[in-house]
Amino acid sequence: MTHTTKVEGRSRWQRLLLAGLVAMGLLTAAACTQQPTVTVKKFVIGASAEPASMDVTTSPSAAGPQVMLYNVYETLVRIDGDGKMRPMLAQSWDISADGRVYTFHINPAATFASGTKVTGSAVVKSQDKLRSDAATTTVLRTQLADVATVTAPDDATVVFTLKNPSQNWLYYMTSTAGIVFDPTLIGEAATKSAGSGPYAWTAWNKGSSVVLTKNAKYWGTAPRFDEVTFRYFTDANALNAAMLAGDLDVISNVQAPEALSQFSDTSKYTVLDGATNGEVTMGFNHQSPALQNQNVRKAITMAIDRAALIKTVWAGKGQLIGSMAVPTDPYYVDLANAVPFNVAEAKALLASSGVAMPTLRIRVPALAYATKSAQFVASALNEIGIKTTVDELPFPATWLDQVYKNGDYDITIVAHVEPRDINKFADPTYYWHYNNPAFQALIAKADTEPTEAAWLADMADAQKVLTDDAAAVWLFMLPNLVVTKNTVTGLSPNAVTLSFDLTGVARR
């Protein structure tokens, strides 16, 4: 007869089975808890102006290229942090003896994020889009106007033939004019990421942020972060507060330089103070009758104490300039003191102009440097008898529509951060409507000069023409004021391109 001993109300076999099941459960739980956890490496950048479109070739705003250039979209050649031209999608290039034919040899490893290879044909299709699409900005079409043909003899080669030799064209190709789109997504860049860069854009939360995600198939050096977010702030103090709270890794360009002392603790923060391509330009609408008079423009220029303006508006950060060029430009001429501050002379010039002055409308983007400068300028003009009104317009949409597109303003103030952008004064259709045939002829001559020395000489003369004619008032060079957590490395102190270049950025 079989006898089963019971323990605490259960038979021995039940107890053994229960113990086994418990042991298996514990082992399973232990196995689960020992699984490696996946850490998503995130990087957050605070910025002040968001893109107007994800297709950066259709908007003149610099906010789009800040996010996309070199990070999402690549070019055949690029500018590095030291301002030097480097290979990117092209391994090398050759220039014909007459300076008209450029042959690029594409890196055979290069692919788009979709996996499609970067080929000569892809470059041709991208250039066709840029040159023929009615949505392409006037600036880009002007930069590409010298291109006669673009051909692809084979997958690894693309050949550009220019109508004339150009000192500027290759440099333009390092920026938005040289972007290469995935041909499978051509024309869809406003809604889909179509680049070959280390990141793809995956979300645009209008008014809030743009999110970039690591391109796991990137053909070059792998990106260091899984996700990068550009967060946008319309209030400079809120931007600083987010950095102080630890919500940001970087402030891409400080909008309240008077508050930089908050980031003086070097055990927590690093502050970069460098140069940009940005000329903070007080632009005149040359279609406004009063501003067509040179003496009126000169009077306005002399009425503004620009050195005091920098101290008042931007805490003394930045550098005085006197024309449409900055010290990082190879042709820069120091004209900062060419038109000195002189209230008495300004009043005399205004009186001699014979112009019955209307109330001038100063309409500026709602960006800190512009709004603060506008108030300073309005006070200065009042001192010489010019009445003004100041309107602060949401940026980019409203300012671009009313000022840039429709020319509904007399005076505006905006930082033109595009590199080597003096040529914009040679385009009478540009929103300043500055029409000076002598200047246009000089710029055209400069671009076709056979030597760099001749080009530099012409460009120096061009700067002087603008200053002498008071074509605008150049308030100061916008400094590159960047705050980072002290663990962030790889950011250049100077912003020499439109790109906030993430390719070398790391966290210790």
Protein backbone atom coordinates (compact mmCIF):
# COMPACT_ATOMS: atom_id res chain seq x y z
CA MET A 1 0.00 0.00 0.00
CA THR A 2 1.40 3.34 -1.04
CA HIS A 3 1.59 6.07 1.56
CA THR A 4 2.09 9.78 0.76
CA THR A 5 3.41 12.04 3.47
CA LYS A 6 1.77 15.50 3.56
CA VAL A 7 3.69 18.63 4.49
CA GLU A 8 1.75 21.76 5.62
CA GLY A 9 -1.41 20.41 4.00
CA ARG A 10 0.25 19.46 0.66
CA SER A 11 1.67 16.20 -0.55
CA ARG A 12 5.44 15.94 -1.02
CA TRP A 13 5.15 15.81 -4.83
CA GLN A 14 2.95 18.93 -4.84
CA ARG A 15 5.51 20.72 -2.71
CA LEU A 16 8.34 19.71 -5.02
CA LEU A 17 6.38 20.77 -8.13
CA LEU A 18 5.55 24.13 -6.55
CA ALA A 19 9.18 24.69 -5.58
CA GLY A 20 10.28 23.88 -9.11
CA LEU A 21 7.82 26.27 -10.66
CA VAL A 22 8.85 29.01 -8.22
CA ALA A 23 12.51 28.39 -9.03
CA MET A 24 11.81 28.55 -12.76
CA GLY A 25 9.93 31.81 -12.25
CA LEU A 26 12.77 33.29 -10.31
CA LEU A 27 15.25 32.23 -12.96
CA THR A 28 13.05 33.73 -15.66
CA ALA A 29 12.72 36.97 -13.72
CA ALA A 30 16.45 37.05 -13.12
CA ALA A 31 17.07 36.48 -16.82
CA CYS A 32 14.73 39.35 -17.68
CA THR A 33 16.36 41.74 -15.24
CA GLN A 34 19.81 40.89 -16.59
CA GLN A 35 18.90 41.90 -20.16
CA PRO A 36 21.07 44.86 -21.28
CA THR A 37 19.17 48.14 -21.26
CA VAL A 38 19.30 50.21 -24.43
CA THR A 39 20.19 53.85 -23.78
CA VAL A 40 18.94 56.34 -26.35
CA LYS A 41 21.53 59.06 -26.71
CA LYS A 42 19.67 62.35 -27.01
CA PHE A 43 21.00 65.82 -27.68
CA VAL A 44 18.93 68.99 -27.33
CA ILE A 45 19.74 72.37 -28.87
CA GLY A 46 17.98 75.60 -27.97
CA ALA A 47 17.45 78.02 -30.86
CA SER A 48 15.49 81.19 -31.57
CA ALA A 49 14.23 80.93 -35.16
CA GLU A 50 12.58 77.84 -36.63
CA PRO A 51 12.50 76.83 -40.30
CA ALA A 52 9.81 78.17 -42.60
CA SER A 53 9.91 74.92 -44.59
CA MET A 54 11.67 71.59 -44.42
CA ASP A 55 12.67 72.08 -48.07
CA VAL A 56 15.42 74.60 -47.38
CA THR A 57 15.76 75.51 -51.06
CA THR A 58 12.32 77.17 -51.05
CA SER A 59 12.77 79.62 -48.17
CA PRO A 60 15.31 82.43 -47.76
CA SER A 61 15.36 81.96 -43.98
CA ALA A 62 18.68 80.74 -42.56
CA ALA A 63 16.85 78.72 -39.88
CA GLY A 64 16.31 75.76 -42.22
CA PRO A 65 19.95 75.30 -43.28
CA GLN A 66 20.97 75.69 -39.63
CA VAL A 67 19.24 72.36 -38.95
CA MET A 68 19.56 70.56 -42.27
CA LEU A 69 22.82 71.51 -43.96
CA TYR A 70 25.55 68.85 -43.44
CA ASN A 71 23.34 67.10 -40.86
CA VAL A 72 20.52 65.87 -43.12
CA TYR A 73 21.63 67.10 -46.55
CA GLU A 74 25.13 66.90 -47.92
CA THR A 75 26.92 68.72 -50.71
CA LEU A 76 29.70 67.71 -53.07
CA VAL A 77 32.11 69.95 -51.16
CA ARG A 78 31.80 71.60 -47.79
CA ILE A 79 33.32 74.29 -45.56
CA ASP A 80 34.86 73.04 -42.31
CA GLY A 81 34.99 74.82 -38.94
CA ASP A 82 38.17 76.62 -39.95
CA GLY A 83 36.64 77.99 -43.13
CA LYS A 84 38.51 75.58 -45.41
CA MET A 85 36.94 73.82 -48.39
CA ARG A 86 36.85 70.04 -47.96
CA PRO A 87 35.53 66.99 -49.84
CA MET A 88 32.12 65.69 -48.85
CA LEU A 89 30.10 63.63 -51.34
CA ALA A 90 32.89 64.24 -53.84
CA GLN A 91 36.24 62.66 -53.06
CA SER A 92 38.02 65.10 -55.33
CA TRP A 93 37.42 67.57 -58.16
CA ASP A 94 39.23 69.04 -61.12
CA ILE A 95 38.95 72.51 -62.64
CA SER A 96 39.72 73.16 -66.28
CA ALA A 97 42.43 75.64 -67.27
CA ASP A 98 39.83 78.20 -68.40
CA GLY A 99 37.95 77.94 -65.07
CA ARG A 100 34.69 76.90 -66.69
CA VAL A 101 34.52 73.11 -66.28
CA TYR A 102 34.37 71.43 -62.86
CA THR A 103 34.57 67.62 -62.72
CA PHE A 104 33.59 65.99 -59.41
CA HIS A 105 34.47 62.40 -58.50
CA ILE A 106 31.79 61.02 -56.17
CA ASN A 107 32.70 58.84 -53.20
CA PRO A 108 31.59 55.30 -54.19
CA ALA A 109 30.53 54.60 -50.59
CA ALA A 110 28.03 57.47 -50.49
CA THR A 111 24.36 56.53 -50.12
CA PHE A 112 21.14 58.29 -49.24
CA ALA A 113 19.30 57.35 -46.05
CA SER A 114 16.94 55.24 -48.19
CA GLY A 115 19.88 53.08 -49.26
CA THR A 116 19.92 54.50 -52.81
CA LYS A 117 23.42 55.27 -54.04
CA VAL A 118 24.58 58.84 -54.52
CA THR A 119 25.41 59.06 -58.23
CA GLY A 120 26.21 61.64 -60.84
CA SER A 121 22.64 61.29 -62.06
CA ALA A 122 21.31 62.18 -58.57
CA VAL A 123 23.37 65.37 -58.64
CA VAL A 124 22.02 66.25 -62.10
CA LYS A 125 18.41 65.75 -60.95
CA SER A 126 19.01 67.83 -57.83
CA GLN A 127 20.46 70.68 -59.86
CA ASP A 128 17.60 70.44 -62.36
CA LYS A 129 15.16 70.83 -59.45
CA LEU A 130 17.01 73.82 -58.06
CA ARG A 131 17.35 75.60 -61.39
CA SER A 132 13.86 74.93 -62.76
CA ASP A 133 11.57 74.78 -59.74
CA ALA A 134 9.57 78.01 -59.42
CA ALA A 135 9.66 77.55 -55.63
CA THR A 136 13.47 77.80 -55.49
CA THR A 137 14.53 81.06 -53.86
CA THR A 138 15.73 83.94 -56.01
CA VAL A 139 19.05 83.88 -54.17
CA LEU A 140 19.73 80.26 -55.12
CA ARG A 141 18.70 80.78 -58.74
CA THR A 142 21.08 83.74 -58.89
CA GLN A 143 23.91 81.66 -57.43
CA LEU A 144 23.35 78.97 -60.06
CA ALA A 145 22.78 81.34 -62.98
CA ASP A 146 26.31 80.80 -64.30
CA VAL A 147 25.72 77.05 -64.80
CA ALA A 148 25.34 76.16 -68.48
CA THR A 149 25.08 72.36 -68.19
CA VAL A 150 25.28 69.58 -65.62
CA THR A 151 26.02 66.09 -66.94
CA ALA A 152 26.82 62.67 -65.50
CA PRO A 153 29.20 60.67 -67.74
CA ASP A 154 28.87 57.76 -65.28
CA ASP A 155 27.64 57.00 -61.77
CA ALA A 156 30.86 58.20 -60.16
CA THR A 157 31.24 61.47 -62.04
CA VAL A 158 29.37 64.74 -62.50
CA VAL A 159 30.51 67.62 -64.69
CA PHE A 160 29.42 71.26 -64.35
CA THR A 161 30.12 73.59 -67.24
CA LEU A 162 29.81 77.30 -66.50
CA LYS A 163 28.91 80.05 -68.94
CA ASN A 164 31.78 82.14 -67.58
CA PRO A 165 34.61 81.61 -65.12
CA SER A 166 33.42 82.35 -61.58
CA GLN A 167 35.29 83.18 -58.39
CA ASN A 168 32.13 82.52 -56.35
CA TRP A 169 30.40 79.48 -57.82
CA LEU A 170 32.35 76.68 -56.10
CA TYR A 171 31.91 78.43 -52.77
CA TYR A 172 28.13 78.63 -53.33
CA MET A 173 28.16 74.87 -53.89
CA THR A 174 29.30 74.29 -50.30
CA SER A 175 25.94 75.58 -49.07
CA THR A 176 22.26 75.28 -49.96
CA ALA A 177 22.88 75.67 -53.70
CA GLY A 178 24.87 72.42 -53.64
CA ILE A 179 22.41 70.18 -51.76
CA VAL A 180 21.97 66.73 -53.32
CA PHE A 181 18.50 65.18 -52.96
CA ASP A 182 17.58 61.50 -53.05
CA PRO A 183 16.15 61.09 -56.60
CA THR A 184 13.50 58.69 -55.28
CA LEU A 185 12.12 61.57 -53.18
CA ILE A 186 12.84 64.47 -55.51
CA GLY A 187 10.24 67.17 -55.02
CA GLU A 188 9.05 65.74 -51.69
CA ALA A 189 11.61 67.39 -49.40
CA ALA A 190 8.96 69.58 -47.76
CA THR A 191 7.32 66.50 -46.23
CA LYS A 192 10.00 63.77 -46.28
CA SER A 193 13.66 63.55 -45.36
CA ALA A 194 15.56 63.12 -48.62
CA GLY A 195 19.22 63.44 -47.72
CA SER A 196 22.41 61.44 -47.42
CA GLY A 197 23.60 62.89 -44.11
CA PRO A 198 24.15 61.29 -40.70
CA TYR A 199 20.62 62.24 -39.61
CA ALA A 200 17.13 62.23 -41.09
CA TRP A 201 14.47 64.67 -39.97
CA THR A 202 11.52 62.77 -38.52
CA ALA A 203 9.32 65.45 -36.97
CA TRP A 204 8.59 69.15 -37.35
CA ASN A 205 6.41 70.33 -34.48
CA LYS A 206 5.61 73.81 -35.73
CA GLY A 207 6.27 76.48 -33.17
CA SER A 208 8.11 74.03 -30.94
CA SER A 209 10.82 71.76 -32.36
CA VAL A 210 12.45 69.82 -35.16
CA VAL A 211 13.60 66.27 -34.42
CA LEU A 212 16.45 64.53 -36.21
CA THR A 213 16.99 60.78 -35.93
CA LYS A 214 20.21 58.86 -36.47
CA ASN A 215 20.67 57.49 -39.98
CA ALA A 216 21.65 53.92 -39.13
CA LYS A 217 22.80 53.38 -42.73
CA TYR A 218 25.05 56.44 -42.86
CA TRP A 219 27.92 55.87 -45.25
CA GLY A 220 30.43 58.01 -43.31
CA THR A 221 31.45 58.24 -39.67
CA ALA A 222 28.46 57.17 -37.57
CA PRO A 223 26.63 59.97 -35.76
CA ARG A 224 27.17 60.11 -32.00
CA PHE A 225 23.54 60.67 -31.03
CA ASP A 226 20.40 58.65 -31.67
CA GLU A 227 18.16 61.70 -31.56
CA VAL A 228 18.81 65.43 -31.86
CA THR A 229 16.11 67.99 -31.11
CA PHE A 230 16.19 71.66 -32.02
CA ARG A 231 13.84 73.40 -29.56
CA TYR A 232 12.63 76.90 -30.39
CA PHE A 233 12.15 79.77 -27.96
CA THR A 234 10.67 83.17 -28.75
CA ASP A 235 11.71 84.52 -25.35
CA ALA A 236 15.43 84.90 -24.61
CA ASN A 237 14.97 84.51 -20.86
CA ALA A 238 13.02 81.27 -21.33
CA LEU A 239 15.86 79.97 -23.50
CA ASN A 240 18.40 80.73 -20.76
CA ALA A 241 16.14 79.24 -18.10
CA ALA A 242 15.88 75.96 -20.04
CA MET A 243 19.67 75.78 -20.18
CA LEU A 244 20.01 76.51 -16.46
CA ALA A 245 17.42 73.82 -15.70
CA GLY A 246 19.48 71.23 -17.59
CA ASP A 247 16.88 70.77 -20.34
CA LEU A 248 19.32 71.77 -23.09
CA ASP A 249 22.80 70.66 -24.07
CA VAL A 250 23.48 73.80 -26.12
CA ILE A 251 22.17 77.31 -26.72
CA SER A 252 22.97 77.69 -30.41
CA ASN A 253 23.16 81.50 -30.29
CA VAL A 254 22.54 83.46 -27.12
CA GLN A 255 19.70 85.97 -27.42
CA ALA A 256 20.30 87.72 -24.09
CA PRO A 257 24.06 88.34 -23.90
CA GLU A 258 23.61 90.59 -20.86
CA ALA A 259 22.73 87.41 -18.95
CA LEU A 260 25.86 85.43 -19.89
CA SER A 261 27.15 85.72 -16.32
CA GLN A 262 24.57 83.06 -15.39
CA PHE A 263 26.79 80.57 -17.22
CA SER A 264 30.11 81.59 -15.65
CA ASP A 265 30.51 78.33 -13.68
CA THR A 266 33.04 76.46 -15.84
CA SER A 267 32.38 73.22 -13.97
CA LYS A 268 28.92 73.27 -15.57
CA TYR A 269 29.13 75.38 -18.74
CA THR A 270 31.36 76.41 -21.61
CA VAL A 271 30.80 79.76 -23.34
CA LEU A 272 32.04 80.25 -26.90
CA ASP A 273 32.47 83.79 -28.24
CA GLY A 274 33.41 83.81 -31.92
CA ALA A 275 32.63 85.32 -35.28
CA THR A 276 29.76 84.69 -37.69
CA ASN A 277 28.98 85.65 -41.27
CA GLY A 278 26.11 87.72 -39.92
CA GLU A 279 25.92 91.39 -40.79
CA VAL A 280 23.21 92.97 -38.63
CA THR A 281 21.93 95.16 -41.43
CA MET A 282 19.58 98.10 -41.10
CA GLY A 283 18.09 97.77 -44.55
CA PHE A 284 16.43 100.59 -46.45
CA ASN A 285 13.56 100.04 -48.84
CA HIS A 286 14.96 101.99 -51.79
CA GLN A 287 11.46 102.22 -53.25
CA SER A 288 10.43 104.50 -50.37
CA PRO A 289 10.58 108.05 -51.82
CA ALA A 290 12.38 109.63 -48.86
CA LEU A 291 15.04 106.90 -48.79
CA GLN A 292 15.85 107.33 -52.48
CA ASN A 293 17.69 110.50 -51.43
CA GLN A 294 21.35 109.80 -50.64
CA ASN A 295 21.61 112.67 -48.15
CA VAL A 296 18.68 111.28 -46.17
CA ARG A 297 20.36 107.87 -46.02
CA LYS A 298 23.67 109.43 -44.96
CA ALA A 299 21.92 111.51 -42.30
CA ILE A 300 20.32 108.38 -40.87
CA THR A 301 23.70 106.63 -40.86
CA MET A 302 25.41 109.50 -39.02
CA ALA A 303 22.59 109.77 -36.49
CA ILE A 304 23.26 106.31 -35.02
CA ASP A 305 26.02 105.82 -32.44
CA ARG A 306 26.69 102.23 -33.38
CA ALA A 307 29.32 101.67 -30.67
CA ALA A 308 26.74 102.71 -28.05
CA LEU A 309 24.14 100.57 -29.79
CA ILE A 310 26.27 97.43 -29.38
CA LYS A 311 26.74 98.14 -25.68
CA THR A 312 23.04 98.84 -25.14
CA VAL A 313 21.58 96.14 -27.37
CA TRP A 314 24.07 93.29 -27.25
CA ALA A 315 26.05 93.84 -24.04
CA GLY A 316 29.10 95.01 -25.96
CA LYS A 317 29.40 91.71 -27.82
CA GLY A 318 30.04 91.85 -31.55
CA GLN A 319 32.20 94.00 -33.81
CA LEU A 320 31.55 97.22 -35.68
CA ILE A 321 31.47 96.87 -39.47
CA GLY A 322 30.85 99.47 -42.15
CA SER A 323 29.74 97.53 -45.21
CA MET A 324 28.30 94.19 -46.30
CA ALA A 325 31.30 92.12 -45.21
CA VAL A 326 32.66 90.63 -41.99
CA PRO A 327 36.23 89.85 -40.87
CA THR A 328 35.87 86.18 -41.84
CA ASP A 329 35.34 87.19 -45.51
CA PRO A 330 38.57 86.96 -47.54
CA TYR A 331 37.93 90.36 -49.13
CA TYR A 332 37.00 92.20 -45.90
CA VAL A 333 37.93 95.88 -45.64
CA ASP A 334 37.57 97.66 -42.29
CA LEU A 335 35.13 100.50 -42.97
CA ALA A 336 33.66 100.61 -39.47
CA ASN A 337 34.57 104.28 -38.99
CA ALA A 338 34.10 105.45 -42.58
CA VAL A 339 30.87 107.27 -41.62
CA PRO A 340 31.34 108.62 -38.08
CA PHE A 341 28.58 109.34 -35.59
CA ASN A 342 27.79 113.06 -35.88
CA VAL A 343 24.36 114.37 -34.90
CA ALA A 344 25.05 117.94 -36.06
CA GLU A 345 26.19 116.80 -39.50
CA ALA A 346 23.21 114.43 -39.71
CA LYS A 347 20.81 117.31 -39.08
CA ALA A 348 22.57 119.45 -41.70
CA LEU A 349 22.42 116.69 -44.32
CA LEU A 350 18.75 116.10 -43.60
CA ALA A 351 18.02 119.81 -44.00
CA SER A 352 19.99 120.01 -47.26
CA SER A 353 18.10 117.05 -48.72
CA GLY A 354 14.98 119.13 -49.25
CA VAL A 355 12.89 116.04 -48.48
CA ALA A 356 9.68 116.43 -46.49
CA MET A 357 10.16 113.48 -44.19
CA PRO A 358 7.20 111.19 -43.62
CA THR A 359 6.94 108.96 -40.56
CA LEU A 360 9.22 106.03 -41.38
CA ARG A 361 8.02 102.54 -40.55
CA ILE A 362 10.68 100.39 -38.90
CA ARG A 363 9.40 96.82 -39.25
CA VAL A 364 11.63 94.14 -37.75
CA PRO A 365 11.49 90.42 -37.00
CA ALA A 366 10.60 89.55 -33.41
CA LEU A 367 14.16 88.51 -32.62
CA ALA A 368 16.00 90.04 -29.67
CA TYR A 369 18.85 91.76 -31.54
CA ALA A 370 16.39 93.28 -34.05
CA THR A 371 13.75 94.52 -31.62
CA LYS A 372 16.30 96.05 -29.25
CA SER A 373 18.17 97.68 -32.13
CA ALA A 374 14.91 99.10 -33.54
CA GLN A 375 14.14 100.93 -30.30
CA PHE A 376 17.66 102.38 -30.15
CA VAL A 377 17.47 103.50 -33.80
CA ALA A 378 14.01 105.04 -33.35
CA SER A 379 15.34 107.16 -30.47
CA ALA A 380 18.40 108.21 -32.49
CA LEU A 381 16.33 109.24 -35.51
CA ASN A 382 13.99 111.22 -33.32
CA GLU A 383 17.02 113.27 -32.20
CA ILE A 384 17.56 114.54 -35.76
CA GLY A 385 13.88 115.13 -36.42
CA ILE A 386 12.79 111.89 -38.11
CA LYS A 387 9.60 110.35 -36.74
CA THR A 388 9.25 106.59 -36.76
CA THR A 389 6.94 103.77 -35.80
CA VAL A 390 8.25 100.34 -34.78
CA ASP A 391 6.46 97.10 -35.62
CA GLU A 392 7.69 93.74 -34.32
CA LEU A 393 6.66 90.96 -36.71
CA PRO A 394 6.60 87.22 -35.95
CA PHE A 395 9.55 85.51 -37.60
CA PRO A 396 9.89 83.86 -40.00
CA ALA A 397 6.41 83.74 -41.51
CA THR A 398 5.05 87.27 -41.04
CA TRP A 399 8.33 89.12 -41.57
CA LEU A 400 9.10 87.08 -44.70
CA ASP A 401 5.63 87.73 -46.11
CA GLN A 402 5.26 91.41 -45.35
CA VAL A 403 8.84 92.72 -45.52
CA TYR A 404 10.85 90.28 -47.62
CA LYS A 405 8.17 89.31 -50.12
CA ASN A 406 5.86 92.34 -50.31
CA GLY A 407 8.28 95.15 -49.45
CA ASP A 408 5.82 96.66 -46.98
CA TYR A 409 8.33 98.66 -44.91
CA ASP A 410 10.69 101.64 -44.94
CA ILE A 411 13.44 100.33 -42.65
CA THR A 412 14.08 96.87 -41.28
CA ILE A 413 16.84 95.24 -39.24
CA VAL A 414 17.92 91.66 -39.77
CA ALA A 415 21.13 89.66 -39.47
CA HIS A 416 22.13 88.42 -42.91
CA VAL A 417 24.09 85.31 -41.97
CA GLU A 418 24.54 83.84 -45.45
CA PRO A 419 28.27 83.72 -46.28
CA ARG A 420 29.67 86.19 -48.83
CA ASP A 421 26.31 87.83 -49.38
CA ILE A 422 27.43 91.26 -50.59
CA ASN A 423 26.22 90.22 -54.07
CA LYS A 424 22.62 90.63 -52.93
CA PHE A 425 23.02 94.38 -53.34
CA ALA A 426 23.59 93.72 -57.05
CA ASP A 427 20.05 92.33 -57.42
CA PRO A 428 17.46 95.15 -57.70
CA THR A 429 14.63 92.62 -57.23
CA TYR A 430 15.93 91.69 -53.76
CA TYR A 431 13.81 93.13 -50.97
CA TRP A 432 16.03 96.22 -50.49
CA HIS A 433 15.41 97.17 -54.15
CA TYR A 434 18.84 98.78 -54.31
CA ASN A 435 19.53 99.57 -57.96
CA ASN A 436 23.06 100.82 -58.62
CA PRO A 437 24.29 99.91 -62.15
CA ALA A 438 27.90 100.81 -61.29
CA PHE A 439 27.85 98.43 -58.32
CA GLN A 440 26.22 95.70 -60.40
CA ALA A 441 28.91 96.04 -63.07
CA LEU A 442 31.67 95.88 -60.44
CA ILE A 443 30.25 92.72 -58.86
CA ALA A 444 29.89 91.05 -62.28
CA LYS A 445 33.47 92.00 -63.16
CA ALA A 446 34.77 90.67 -59.84
CA ASP A 447 33.19 87.25 -60.30
CA THR A 448 34.77 86.72 -63.72
CA GLU A 449 38.26 87.92 -62.78
CA PRO A 450 40.95 85.42 -63.86
CA THR A 451 42.90 85.68 -60.60
CA GLU A 452 42.04 85.72 -56.92
CA ALA A 453 44.06 88.90 -56.42
CA ALA A 454 41.97 90.78 -58.99
CA TRP A 455 38.77 89.43 -57.44
CA LEU A 456 39.83 90.58 -53.96
CA ALA A 457 40.64 94.07 -55.26
CA ASP A 458 37.26 94.40 -56.97
CA MET A 459 35.43 93.16 -53.89
CA ALA A 460 37.23 95.71 -51.74
CA ASP A 461 36.07 98.44 -54.12
CA ALA A 462 32.51 97.07 -54.01
CA GLN A 463 32.38 97.42 -50.22
CA LYS A 464 33.46 101.07 -50.50
CA VAL A 465 30.76 101.79 -53.10
CA LEU A 466 28.04 100.56 -50.73
CA THR A 467 29.43 102.55 -47.81
CA ASP A 468 29.85 105.78 -49.79
CA ASP A 469 26.30 105.47 -51.16
CA ALA A 470 24.83 104.69 -47.71
CA ALA A 471 23.05 101.74 -49.29
CA ALA A 472 22.23 100.50 -45.78
CA VAL A 473 23.45 100.93 -42.22
CA TRP A 474 25.58 98.05 -40.99
CA LEU A 475 25.11 98.04 -37.24
CA PHE A 476 27.51 95.27 -36.18
CA MET A 477 28.74 91.77 -36.87
CA LEU A 478 26.53 89.34 -34.98
CA PRO A 479 28.84 87.37 -32.67
CA ASN A 480 28.65 83.62 -32.30
CA LEU A 481 27.67 83.36 -28.63
CA VAL A 482 27.13 79.71 -27.75
CA VAL A 483 26.61 78.12 -24.35
CA THR A 484 27.12 74.39 -23.87
CA LYS A 485 27.18 71.98 -21.00
CA ASN A 486 30.83 71.52 -20.10
CA THR A 487 30.62 67.90 -21.26
CA VAL A 488 29.95 68.93 -24.88
CA THR A 489 32.89 69.03 -27.30
CA GLY A 490 33.46 69.55 -31.01
CA LEU A 491 31.73 72.90 -31.64
CA SER A 492 33.72 75.51 -33.52
CA PRO A 493 33.88 78.97 -31.87
CA ASN A 494 33.19 80.56 -35.27
CA ALA A 495 30.04 80.02 -37.33
CA VAL A 496 31.44 80.16 -40.86
CA THR A 497 28.56 78.37 -42.61
CA LEU A 498 24.77 78.33 -42.29
CA SER A 499 24.98 74.87 -40.72
CA PHE A 500 24.88 74.12 -37.02
CA ASP A 501 27.22 71.28 -37.84
CA LEU A 502 26.66 68.22 -35.63
CA THR A 503 29.13 65.94 -37.40
CA GLY A 504 31.97 66.64 -34.96
CA VAL A 505 29.92 67.21 -31.80
CA ALA A 506 30.29 64.74 -28.94
CA ARG A 507 29.58 64.45 -25.23
CA ARG A 508 32.28 63.41 -22.77
